[in-house]
PDB file of N, CA and C in Angstrom:
ATOM      1  N   MET A   1     101.059  24.327-231.805  1.00  0.00           N
ATOM      2  CA  MET A   1     101.788  23.188-231.327  1.00  0.00           C
ATOM      3  C   MET A   1     103.088  23.094-232.143  1.00  0.00           C
ATOM      4  N   ILE A   2     104.167  22.778-231.467  1.00  0.00           N
ATOM      5  CA  ILE A   2     105.451  22.673-232.159  1.00  0.00           C
ATOM      6  C   ILE A   2     106.004  21.258-232.055  1.00  0.00           C
ATOM      7  N   ARG A   3     106.827  20.903-233.045  1.00  0.00           N
ATOM      8  CA  ARG A   3     107.458  19.585-233.097  1.00  0.00           C
ATOM      9  C   ARG A   3     108.951  19.757-233.372  1.00  0.00           C
ATOM     10  N   CYS A   4     109.712  18.789-232.938  1.00  0.00           N
ATOM     11  CA  CYS A   4     111.140  18.735-233.228  1.00  0.00           C
ATOM     12  C   CYS A   4     111.324  18.407-234.707  1.00  0.00           C
ATOM     13  N   PRO A   5     112.192  19.117-235.432  1.00  0.00           N
ATOM     14  CA  PRO A   5     112.404  18.817-236.845  1.00  0.00           C
ATOM     15  C   PRO A   5     113.222  17.546-237.084  1.00  0.00           C
ATOM     16  N   VAL A   6     113.871  17.021-236.061  1.00  0.00           N
ATOM     17  CA  VAL A   6     114.702  15.823-236.207  1.00  0.00           C
ATOM     18  C   VAL A   6     113.888  14.562-235.957  1.00  0.00           C
ATOM     19  N   CYS A   7     113.241  14.477-234.785  1.00  0.00           N
ATOM     20  CA  CYS A   7     112.552  13.242-234.413  1.00  0.00           C
ATOM     21  C   CYS A   7     111.024  13.373-234.405  1.00  0.00           C
ATOM     22  N   MET A   8     110.503  14.559-234.720  1.00  0.00           N
ATOM     23  CA  MET A   8     109.063  14.842-234.781  1.00  0.00           C
ATOM     24  C   MET A   8     108.360  14.739-233.426  1.00  0.00           C
ATOM     25  N   SER A   9     109.106  14.784-232.334  1.00  0.00           N
ATOM     26  CA  SER A   9     108.534  14.712-230.996  1.00  0.00           C
ATOM     27  C   SER A   9     107.871  16.040-230.639  1.00  0.00           C
ATOM     28  N   ARG A  10     106.834  15.971-229.837  1.00  0.00           N
ATOM     29  CA  ARG A  10     106.199  17.182-229.310  1.00  0.00           C
ATOM     30  C   ARG A  10     106.802  17.580-227.968  1.00  0.00           C
ATOM     31  N   ASP A  11     107.747  16.798-227.483  1.00  0.00           N
ATOM     32  CA  ASP A  11     108.382  17.046-226.191  1.00  0.00           C
ATOM     33  C   ASP A  11     109.553  18.015-226.379  1.00  0.00           C
ATOM     34  N   ILE A  12     109.236  19.240-226.803  1.00  0.00           N
ATOM     35  CA  ILE A  12     110.229  20.261-227.114  1.00  0.00           C
ATOM     36  C   ILE A  12     109.843  21.533-226.379  1.00  0.00           C
ATOM     37  N   TYR A  13     110.834  22.264-225.895  1.00  0.00           N
ATOM     38  CA  TYR A  13     110.544  23.457-225.112  1.00  0.00           C
ATOM     39  C   TYR A  13     111.532  24.570-225.451  1.00  0.00           C
ATOM     40  N   ARG A  14     111.134  25.797-225.152  1.00  0.00           N
ATOM     41  CA  ARG A  14     111.965  26.962-225.438  1.00  0.00           C
ATOM     42  C   ARG A  14     112.971  27.166-224.318  1.00  0.00           C
ATOM     43  N   VAL A  15     114.244  27.365-224.674  1.00  0.00           N
ATOM     44  CA  VAL A  15     115.273  27.585-223.664  1.00  0.00           C
ATOM     45  C   VAL A  15     115.773  29.021-223.674  1.00  0.00           C
ATOM     46  N   ALA A  16     115.541  29.761-224.747  1.00  0.00           N
ATOM     47  CA  ALA A  16     115.971  31.157-224.818  1.00  0.00           C
ATOM     48  C   ALA A  16     115.050  31.910-225.758  1.00  0.00           C
ATOM     49  N   GLY A  17     115.000  33.196-225.582  1.00  0.00           N
ATOM     50  CA  GLY A  17     114.177  34.036-226.446  1.00  0.00           C
ATOM     51  C   GLY A  17     114.593  35.486-226.264  1.00  0.00           C
ATOM     52  N   GLY A  18     113.976  36.354-227.021  1.00  0.00           N
ATOM     53  CA  GLY A  18     114.294  37.769-226.932  1.00  0.00           C
ATOM     54  C   GLY A  18     114.854  38.278-228.237  1.00  0.00           C
ATOM     55  N   TYR A  19     115.894  39.107-228.158  1.00  0.00           N
ATOM     56  CA  TYR A  19     116.472  39.714-229.354  1.00  0.00           C
ATOM     57  C   TYR A  19     117.080  38.684-230.299  1.00  0.00           C
ATOM     58  N   ILE A  20     117.596  37.592-229.761  1.00  0.00           N
ATOM     59  CA  ILE A  20     118.245  36.590-230.624  1.00  0.00           C
ATOM     60  C   ILE A  20     117.251  35.645-231.276  1.00  0.00           C
ATOM     61  N   GLY A  21     116.003  35.726-230.908  1.00  0.00           N
ATOM     62  CA  GLY A  21     114.994  34.789-231.403  1.00  0.00           C
ATOM     63  C   GLY A  21     114.797  33.678-230.397  1.00  0.00           C
ATOM     64  N   GLU A  22     114.022  32.708-230.755  1.00  0.00           N
ATOM     65  CA  GLU A  22     113.753  31.603-229.849  1.00  0.00           C
ATOM     66  C   GLU A  22     114.662  30.419-230.154  1.00  0.00           C
ATOM     67  N   ILE A  23     115.195  29.815-229.100  1.00  0.00           N
ATOM     68  CA  ILE A  23     115.998  28.602-229.213  1.00  0.00           C
ATOM     69  C   ILE A  23     115.237  27.507-228.478  1.00  0.00           C
ATOM     70  N   HIS A  24     115.084  26.370-229.128  1.00  0.00           N
ATOM     71  CA  HIS A  24     114.325  25.257-228.557  1.00  0.00           C
ATOM     72  C   HIS A  24     115.236  24.063-228.314  1.00  0.00           C
ATOM     73  N   ARG A  25     114.825  23.218-227.373  1.00  0.00           N
ATOM     74  CA  ARG A  25     115.542  21.978-227.072  1.00  0.00           C
ATOM     75  C   ARG A  25     114.530  20.843-227.000  1.00  0.00           C
ATOM     76  N   CYS A  26     114.896  19.720-227.626  1.00  0.00           N
ATOM     77  CA  CYS A  26     114.044  18.528-227.614  1.00  0.00           C
ATOM     78  C   CYS A  26     114.514  17.596-226.501  1.00  0.00           C
ATOM     79  N   LYS A  27     113.598  17.171-225.665  1.00  0.00           N
ATOM     80  CA  LYS A  27     113.931  16.243-224.584  1.00  0.00           C
ATOM     81  C   LYS A  27     114.198  14.841-225.099  1.00  0.00           C
ATOM     82  N   ARG A  28     113.649  14.509-226.247  1.00  0.00           N
ATOM     83  CA  ARG A  28     113.767  13.145-226.767  1.00  0.00           C
ATOM     84  C   ARG A  28     115.110  12.890-227.446  1.00  0.00           C
ATOM     85  N   CYS A  29     115.508  13.764-228.387  1.00  0.00           N
ATOM     86  CA  CYS A  29     116.724  13.494-229.158  1.00  0.00           C
ATOM     87  C   CYS A  29     117.867  14.465-228.861  1.00  0.00           C
ATOM     88  N   GLY A  30     117.598  15.528-228.089  1.00  0.00           N
ATOM     89  CA  GLY A  30     118.649  16.466-227.737  1.00  0.00           C
ATOM     90  C   GLY A  30     118.853  17.602-228.728  1.00  0.00           C
ATOM     91  N   TYR A  31     118.005  17.713-229.754  1.00  0.00           N
ATOM     92  CA  TYR A  31     118.123  18.797-230.733  1.00  0.00           C
ATOM     93  C   TYR A  31     118.076  20.141-230.032  1.00  0.00           C
ATOM     94  N   VAL A  32     118.946  21.057-230.449  1.00  0.00           N
ATOM     95  CA  VAL A  32     118.929  22.432-229.971  1.00  0.00           C
ATOM     96  C   VAL A  32     119.007  23.326-231.198  1.00  0.00           C
ATOM     97  N   GLY A  33     118.059  24.236-231.331  1.00  0.00           N
ATOM     98  CA  GLY A  33     118.090  25.136-232.468  1.00  0.00           C
ATOM     99  C   GLY A  33     116.844  26.002-232.547  1.00  0.00           C
ATOM    100  N   ALA A  34     116.867  26.913-233.511  1.00  0.00           N
ATOM    101  CA  ALA A  34     115.764  27.850-233.685  1.00  0.00           C
ATOM    102  C   ALA A  34     114.663  27.286-234.574  1.00  0.00           C
ATOM    103  N   PHE A  35     114.999  26.341-235.433  1.00  0.00           N
ATOM    104  CA  PHE A  35     114.022  25.795-236.374  1.00  0.00           C
ATOM    105  C   PHE A  35     113.172  24.736-235.700  1.00  0.00           C
ATOM    106  N   VAL A  36     111.863  24.917-235.721  1.00  0.00           N
ATOM    107  CA  VAL A  36     110.910  23.928-235.233  1.00  0.00           C
ATOM    108  C   VAL A  36     109.773  23.831-236.239  1.00  0.00           C
ATOM    109  N   ILE A  37     109.005  22.794-236.166  1.00  0.00           N
ATOM    110  CA  ILE A  37     107.852  22.617-237.033  1.00  0.00           C
ATOM    111  C   ILE A  37     106.617  23.040-236.257  1.00  0.00           C
ATOM    112  N   GLU A  38     105.914  24.044-236.775  1.00  0.00           N
ATOM    113  CA  GLU A  38     104.694  24.514-236.140  1.00  0.00           C
ATOM    114  C   GLU A  38     103.505  23.948-236.885  1.00  0.00           C
ATOM    115  N   GLU A  39     102.528  23.484-236.133  1.00  0.00           N
ATOM    116  CA  GLU A  39     101.306  22.976-236.745  1.00  0.00           C
ATOM    117  C   GLU A  39     100.120  23.443-235.924  1.00  0.00           C
ATOM    118  N   ALA A  40      99.011  23.600-236.590  1.00  0.00           N
ATOM    119  CA  ALA A  40      97.792  24.025-235.911  1.00  0.00           C
ATOM    120  C   ALA A  40      97.234  22.861-235.100  1.00  0.00           C
ATOM    121  N   GLY A  41      96.762  23.172-233.927  1.00  0.00           N
ATOM    122  CA  GLY A  41      96.136  22.149-233.099  1.00  0.00           C
ATOM    123  C   GLY A  41      94.722  21.891-233.578  1.00  0.00           C
ATOM    124  N   PRO A  42      94.087  20.863-233.095  1.00  0.00           N
ATOM    125  CA  PRO A  42      92.713  20.581-233.498  1.00  0.00           C
ATOM    126  C   PRO A  42      91.774  21.673-233.011  1.00  0.00           C
ATOM    127  N   GLY A  43      90.928  22.146-233.887  1.00  0.00           N
ATOM    128  CA  GLY A  43      89.960  23.166-233.536  1.00  0.00           C
ATOM    129  C   GLY A  43      88.716  22.544-232.940  1.00  0.00           C
ATOM    130  N   PRO A  44      87.748  23.372-232.549  1.00  0.00           N
ATOM    131  CA  PRO A  44      86.537  22.833-231.913  1.00  0.00           C
ATOM    132  C   PRO A  44      85.695  21.959-232.844  1.00  0.00           C
ATOM    133  N   GLY A  45      85.802  22.142-234.168  1.00  0.00           N
ATOM    134  CA  GLY A  45      85.002  21.334-235.081  1.00  0.00           C
ATOM    135  C   GLY A  45      85.805  20.259-235.777  1.00  0.00           C
ATOM    136  N   ASP A  46      87.017  19.982-235.320  1.00  0.00           N
ATOM    137  CA  ASP A  46      87.906  19.036-235.987  1.00  0.00           C
ATOM    138  C   ASP A  46      87.904  17.651-235.359  1.00  0.00           C
ATOM    139  N   GLN A  47      86.805  17.235-234.766  1.00  0.00           N
ATOM    140  CA  GLN A  47      86.757  15.909-234.155  1.00  0.00           C
ATOM    141  C   GLN A  47      86.444  14.879-235.226  1.00  0.00           C
ATOM    142  N   HIS A  48      87.126  13.763-235.186  1.00  0.00           N
ATOM    143  CA  HIS A  48      86.898  12.698-236.141  1.00  0.00           C
ATOM    144  C   HIS A  48      86.111  11.579-235.477  1.00  0.00           C
ATOM    145  N   ASP A  49      85.173  11.034-236.209  1.00  0.00           N
ATOM    146  CA  ASP A  49      84.384   9.923-235.668  1.00  0.00           C
ATOM    147  C   ASP A  49      85.216   8.650-235.698  1.00  0.00           C
ATOM    148  N   THR A  50      85.253   7.945-234.562  1.00  0.00           N
ATOM    149  CA  THR A  50      85.958   6.668-234.516  1.00  0.00           C
ATOM    150  C   THR A  50      84.991   5.519-234.723  1.00  0.00           C
ATOM    151  N   ASP A  51      83.687   5.796-234.648  1.00  0.00           N
ATOM    152  CA  ASP A  51      82.663   4.771-234.883  1.00  0.00           C
ATOM    153  C   ASP A  51      82.228   4.862-236.337  1.00  0.00           C
ATOM    154  N   ALA A  52      82.823   4.059-237.184  1.00  0.00           N
ATOM    155  CA  ALA A  52      82.477   4.134-238.620  1.00  0.00           C
ATOM    156  C   ALA A  52      81.436   3.127-238.995  1.00  0.00           C
TER     157      ALA A  52
END
């Protein structure tokens, strides 16, 4: 999962790729660039109990 480095939105998508690398654009703040924040998504055993 990737996030925008400016506004931390997950509403970001790749607009170019290939030899130049990947360029991403954020729909929320308009950021355009190669740098994004990658994070691991929740795995099958990563569920948190909400009933404490």
